Amino acid sequence: MSRPDHRESALALASAIGPFSADMLAMMSAQADSEITCNCHTLLHYAQKYSPARVEAAIHRMSFYGMRDLASLHFILANDLDLLALRDDADLDGQLQLPLKP
């Protein structure tokens, strides 16, 4: 099922509740589309500013740490953290997580 079909199914279900519910869901859907478009433009801007390879490396680093937001992507790129090697014993900033000595 493609995205438009999914949207139409959701709108039909909301319409079963009532017209205001359908209108609210349609508005939320339009906002989601707008947000996706904005995020896409931001991602393309980062690829142009830093390079597609660096954006990919930064997103890989984000995935490694379970992150999924553009603010984290910008932080990684702006601080050149995408250029560091990924290590299981390092935090997002590349700092080693050494045990504290008693």
N, C-alpha and C. Protein backbone atom coordinates (compact mmCIF):
# COMPACT_ATOMS: atom_id res chain seq x y z
N MET A 1 0.85 -1.18 0.00
CA MET A 1 0.00 0.00 0.00
C MET A 1 0.90 1.24 0.00
N SER A 2 0.72 2.11 -0.94
CA SER A 2 1.55 3.31 -1.02
C SER A 2 1.06 4.36 -0.03
N ARG A 3 1.89 5.37 0.17
CA ARG A 3 1.56 6.42 1.15
C ARG A 3 0.23 7.12 0.86
N PRO A 4 -0.06 7.52 -0.39
CA PRO A 4 -1.36 8.16 -0.65
C PRO A 4 -2.53 7.25 -0.30
N ASP A 5 -2.44 5.95 -0.58
CA ASP A 5 -3.51 5.02 -0.24
C ASP A 5 -3.67 4.94 1.27
N HIS A 6 -2.56 4.93 1.99
CA HIS A 6 -2.59 4.89 3.44
C HIS A 6 -3.26 6.15 3.99
N ARG A 7 -2.92 7.29 3.42
CA ARG A 7 -3.51 8.55 3.85
C ARG A 7 -5.01 8.55 3.61
N GLU A 8 -5.43 8.09 2.44
CA GLU A 8 -6.86 8.05 2.12
C GLU A 8 -7.61 7.12 3.06
N SER A 9 -6.99 5.99 3.41
CA SER A 9 -7.63 5.07 4.36
C SER A 9 -7.78 5.73 5.73
N ALA A 10 -6.75 6.43 6.17
CA ALA A 10 -6.80 7.11 7.47
C ALA A 10 -7.86 8.20 7.45
N LEU A 11 -7.93 8.95 6.37
CA LEU A 11 -8.95 10.01 6.26
C LEU A 11 -10.36 9.42 6.26
N ALA A 12 -10.53 8.27 5.61
CA ALA A 12 -11.85 7.63 5.59
C ALA A 12 -12.23 7.18 7.00
N LEU A 13 -11.28 6.65 7.75
CA LEU A 13 -11.56 6.24 9.13
C LEU A 13 -11.92 7.45 9.99
N ALA A 14 -11.17 8.55 9.82
CA ALA A 14 -11.46 9.76 10.58
C ALA A 14 -12.82 10.33 10.20
N SER A 15 -13.17 10.21 8.93
CA SER A 15 -14.49 10.70 8.48
C SER A 15 -15.61 9.93 9.14
N ALA A 16 -15.36 8.67 9.47
CA ALA A 16 -16.38 7.86 10.14
C ALA A 16 -16.67 8.43 11.53
N ILE A 17 -15.67 9.09 12.13
CA ILE A 17 -15.88 9.72 13.43
C ILE A 17 -16.69 10.98 13.25
N GLY A 18 -16.30 11.76 12.23
CA GLY A 18 -17.02 13.00 11.97
C GLY A 18 -16.19 13.94 11.11
N PRO A 19 -16.81 15.00 10.58
CA PRO A 19 -16.11 15.90 9.66
C PRO A 19 -14.98 16.68 10.33
N PHE A 20 -15.14 17.03 11.60
CA PHE A 20 -14.07 17.77 12.28
C PHE A 20 -12.84 16.89 12.49
N SER A 21 -13.09 15.62 12.78
CA SER A 21 -11.99 14.67 12.92
C SER A 21 -11.25 14.51 11.60
N ALA A 22 -11.98 14.42 10.52
CA ALA A 22 -11.36 14.30 9.20
C ALA A 22 -10.55 15.55 8.86
N ASP A 23 -11.09 16.73 9.18
CA ASP A 23 -10.37 17.97 8.92
C ASP A 23 -9.08 18.05 9.74
N MET A 24 -9.18 17.64 11.02
CA MET A 24 -7.99 17.69 11.86
C MET A 24 -6.92 16.73 11.35
N LEU A 25 -7.31 15.54 10.94
CA LEU A 25 -6.34 14.58 10.42
C LEU A 25 -5.73 15.08 9.11
N ALA A 26 -6.52 15.70 8.26
CA ALA A 26 -6.00 16.25 7.01
C ALA A 26 -4.99 17.36 7.30
N MET A 27 -5.27 18.19 8.31
CA MET A 27 -4.34 19.26 8.68
C MET A 27 -3.03 18.66 9.22
N MET A 28 -3.15 17.64 10.06
CA MET A 28 -1.96 16.99 10.61
C MET A 28 -1.13 16.35 9.51
N SER A 29 -1.79 15.78 8.54
CA SER A 29 -1.10 15.16 7.41
C SER A 29 -0.35 16.20 6.59
N ALA A 30 -0.98 17.35 6.36
CA ALA A 30 -0.32 18.44 5.62
C ALA A 30 0.88 18.96 6.40
N GLN A 31 0.76 19.06 7.72
CA GLN A 31 1.89 19.52 8.53
C GLN A 31 3.04 18.52 8.46
N ALA A 32 2.72 17.24 8.48
CA ALA A 32 3.76 16.21 8.39
C ALA A 32 4.48 16.29 7.04
N ASP A 33 3.70 16.48 5.97
CA ASP A 33 4.32 16.62 4.65
C ASP A 33 5.23 17.84 4.60
N SER A 34 4.79 18.94 5.20
CA SER A 34 5.59 20.16 5.23
C SER A 34 6.88 19.95 6.02
N GLU A 35 6.77 19.25 7.14
CA GLU A 35 7.95 18.98 7.97
C GLU A 35 8.94 18.09 7.23
N ILE A 36 8.45 17.08 6.53
CA ILE A 36 9.32 16.20 5.76
C ILE A 36 10.04 16.99 4.68
N THR A 37 9.33 17.87 4.00
CA THR A 37 9.94 18.70 2.96
C THR A 37 11.01 19.60 3.54
N CYS A 38 10.73 20.22 4.67
CA CYS A 38 11.69 21.09 5.33
C CYS A 38 12.94 20.30 5.76
N ASN A 39 12.73 19.11 6.33
CA ASN A 39 13.85 18.28 6.74
C ASN A 39 14.69 17.85 5.55
N CYS A 40 14.04 17.59 4.43
CA CYS A 40 14.76 17.21 3.21
C CYS A 40 15.63 18.37 2.73
N HIS A 41 15.09 19.58 2.76
CA HIS A 41 15.86 20.75 2.35
C HIS A 41 17.06 20.97 3.29
N THR A 42 16.85 20.76 4.58
CA THR A 42 17.95 20.90 5.54
C THR A 42 19.03 19.87 5.26
N LEU A 43 18.64 18.64 5.00
CA LEU A 43 19.59 17.58 4.69
C LEU A 43 20.38 17.91 3.42
N LEU A 44 19.69 18.41 2.40
CA LEU A 44 20.37 18.80 1.16
C LEU A 44 21.33 19.97 1.40
N HIS A 45 20.93 20.90 2.25
CA HIS A 45 21.80 22.03 2.60
C HIS A 45 23.08 21.52 3.27
N TYR A 46 22.94 20.58 4.22
CA TYR A 46 24.12 20.03 4.89
C TYR A 46 25.01 19.30 3.90
N ALA A 47 24.42 18.57 2.96
CA ALA A 47 25.21 17.86 1.95
C ALA A 47 25.97 18.83 1.07
N GLN A 48 25.36 19.97 0.78
CA GLN A 48 26.02 20.99 -0.03
C GLN A 48 27.12 21.68 0.76
N LYS A 49 26.86 21.96 2.03
CA LYS A 49 27.83 22.69 2.87
C LYS A 49 29.00 21.81 3.29
N TYR A 50 28.73 20.56 3.69
CA TYR A 50 29.78 19.70 4.24
C TYR A 50 30.25 18.61 3.28
N SER A 51 29.41 18.12 2.42
CA SER A 51 29.62 17.08 1.41
C SER A 51 28.69 15.91 1.72
N PRO A 52 28.23 15.25 0.66
CA PRO A 52 27.35 14.10 0.86
C PRO A 52 28.02 12.99 1.68
N ALA A 53 29.32 12.78 1.47
CA ALA A 53 30.03 11.73 2.20
C ALA A 53 30.06 12.02 3.71
N ARG A 54 30.26 13.28 4.08
CA ARG A 54 30.28 13.64 5.50
C ARG A 54 28.89 13.51 6.12
N VAL A 55 27.85 13.88 5.37
CA VAL A 55 26.49 13.73 5.88
C VAL A 55 26.20 12.25 6.12
N GLU A 56 26.58 11.40 5.19
CA GLU A 56 26.38 9.96 5.36
C GLU A 56 27.14 9.44 6.58
N ALA A 57 28.38 9.88 6.75
CA ALA A 57 29.17 9.45 7.91
C ALA A 57 28.54 9.93 9.21
N ALA A 58 28.03 11.16 9.21
CA ALA A 58 27.39 11.70 10.41
C ALA A 58 26.11 10.94 10.74
N ILE A 59 25.33 10.61 9.73
CA ILE A 59 24.10 9.85 9.96
C ILE A 59 24.44 8.44 10.44
N HIS A 60 25.51 7.88 9.91
CA HIS A 60 25.95 6.57 10.40
C HIS A 60 26.32 6.66 11.88
N ARG A 61 27.02 7.72 12.27
CA ARG A 61 27.38 7.93 13.68
C ARG A 61 26.11 8.09 14.52
N MET A 62 25.15 8.83 14.00
CA MET A 62 23.88 9.01 14.73
C MET A 62 23.19 7.68 14.94
N SER A 63 23.15 6.85 13.92
CA SER A 63 22.51 5.53 14.02
C SER A 63 23.23 4.67 15.05
N PHE A 64 24.55 4.78 15.08
CA PHE A 64 25.36 4.03 16.02
C PHE A 64 24.95 4.35 17.45
N TYR A 65 24.61 5.61 17.70
CA TYR A 65 24.23 6.05 19.04
C TYR A 65 22.71 6.12 19.24
N GLY A 66 21.94 5.67 18.25
CA GLY A 66 20.49 5.64 18.37
C GLY A 66 19.82 7.00 18.30
N MET A 67 20.41 7.93 17.56
CA MET A 67 19.87 9.28 17.44
C MET A 67 19.21 9.44 16.08
N ARG A 68 18.20 10.31 15.99
CA ARG A 68 17.48 10.47 14.73
C ARG A 68 16.97 11.89 14.52
N ASP A 69 17.71 12.93 14.92
CA ASP A 69 17.19 14.29 14.75
C ASP A 69 18.22 15.17 14.05
N LEU A 70 17.70 16.20 13.38
CA LEU A 70 18.57 17.08 12.61
C LEU A 70 19.49 17.93 13.48
N ALA A 71 19.09 18.22 14.70
CA ALA A 71 19.96 18.97 15.60
C ALA A 71 21.23 18.17 15.91
N SER A 72 21.08 16.88 16.12
CA SER A 72 22.25 16.02 16.36
C SER A 72 23.12 15.93 15.11
N LEU A 73 22.48 15.84 13.96
CA LEU A 73 23.24 15.80 12.71
C LEU A 73 24.06 17.06 12.56
N HIS A 74 23.45 18.20 12.81
CA HIS A 74 24.17 19.47 12.70
C HIS A 74 25.33 19.53 13.70
N PHE A 75 25.09 19.08 14.92
CA PHE A 75 26.13 19.08 15.95
C PHE A 75 27.33 18.23 15.51
N ILE A 76 27.05 17.05 14.99
CA ILE A 76 28.13 16.15 14.55
C ILE A 76 28.92 16.78 13.42
N LEU A 77 28.23 17.35 12.44
CA LEU A 77 28.92 17.96 11.30
C LEU A 77 29.69 19.21 11.71
N ALA A 78 29.08 20.07 12.49
CA ALA A 78 29.71 21.34 12.87
C ALA A 78 30.95 21.12 13.73
N ASN A 79 30.97 20.01 14.47
CA ASN A 79 32.11 19.72 15.34
C ASN A 79 33.04 18.67 14.76
N ASP A 80 32.86 18.35 13.49
CA ASP A 80 33.71 17.39 12.77
C ASP A 80 33.76 16.02 13.43
N LEU A 81 32.72 15.65 14.14
CA LEU A 81 32.70 14.36 14.81
C LEU A 81 32.52 13.20 13.84
N ASP A 82 32.00 13.51 12.64
CA ASP A 82 31.85 12.47 11.63
C ASP A 82 33.19 11.99 11.11
N LEU A 83 34.24 12.76 11.37
CA LEU A 83 35.58 12.39 10.90
C LEU A 83 36.30 11.45 11.86
N LEU A 84 35.74 11.26 13.06
CA LEU A 84 36.34 10.36 14.04
C LEU A 84 35.90 8.93 13.79
N ALA A 85 36.75 8.00 14.17
CA ALA A 85 36.41 6.59 14.04
C ALA A 85 35.35 6.24 15.08
N LEU A 86 34.44 5.36 14.71
CA LEU A 86 33.44 4.88 15.66
C LEU A 86 34.09 3.86 16.57
N ARG A 87 33.87 4.04 17.86
CA ARG A 87 34.42 3.10 18.84
C ARG A 87 33.34 2.78 19.86
N ASP A 88 33.25 1.52 20.23
CA ASP A 88 32.27 1.11 21.24
C ASP A 88 32.55 1.72 22.60
N ASP A 89 33.81 2.08 22.85
CA ASP A 89 34.18 2.61 24.17
C ASP A 89 34.27 4.13 24.18
N ALA A 90 33.64 4.80 23.20
CA ALA A 90 33.66 6.26 23.13
C ALA A 90 32.22 6.79 23.09
N ASP A 91 32.04 8.00 23.61
CA ASP A 91 30.72 8.61 23.56
C ASP A 91 30.56 9.37 22.25
N LEU A 92 29.46 10.08 22.09
CA LEU A 92 29.17 10.79 20.84
C LEU A 92 30.27 11.77 20.46
N ASP A 93 30.89 12.43 21.46
CA ASP A 93 31.95 13.40 21.19
C ASP A 93 33.30 12.75 20.91
N GLY A 94 33.35 11.43 20.93
CA GLY A 94 34.61 10.74 20.68
C GLY A 94 35.47 10.60 21.93
N GLN A 95 34.92 10.97 23.08
CA GLN A 95 35.66 10.85 24.33
C GLN A 95 35.58 9.41 24.81
N LEU A 96 36.72 8.87 25.20
CA LEU A 96 36.74 7.50 25.70
C LEU A 96 36.04 7.43 27.04
N GLN A 97 35.30 6.37 27.22
CA GLN A 97 34.60 6.17 28.48
C GLN A 97 35.47 5.25 29.35
N LEU A 98 36.41 5.84 30.03
CA LEU A 98 37.32 5.07 30.85
C LEU A 98 36.73 4.88 32.24
N PRO A 99 36.99 3.72 32.85
CA PRO A 99 36.48 3.53 34.21
C PRO A 99 37.18 4.46 35.18
N LEU A 100 36.43 4.93 36.16
CA LEU A 100 37.02 5.81 37.18
C LEU A 100 37.88 4.97 38.13
N LYS A 101 39.03 5.52 38.48
CA LYS A 101 39.90 4.80 39.42
C LYS A 101 39.45 5.15 40.84
N PRO A 102 39.45 4.14 41.72
CA PRO A 102 39.02 4.42 43.11
C PRO A 102 40.03 5.25 43.87
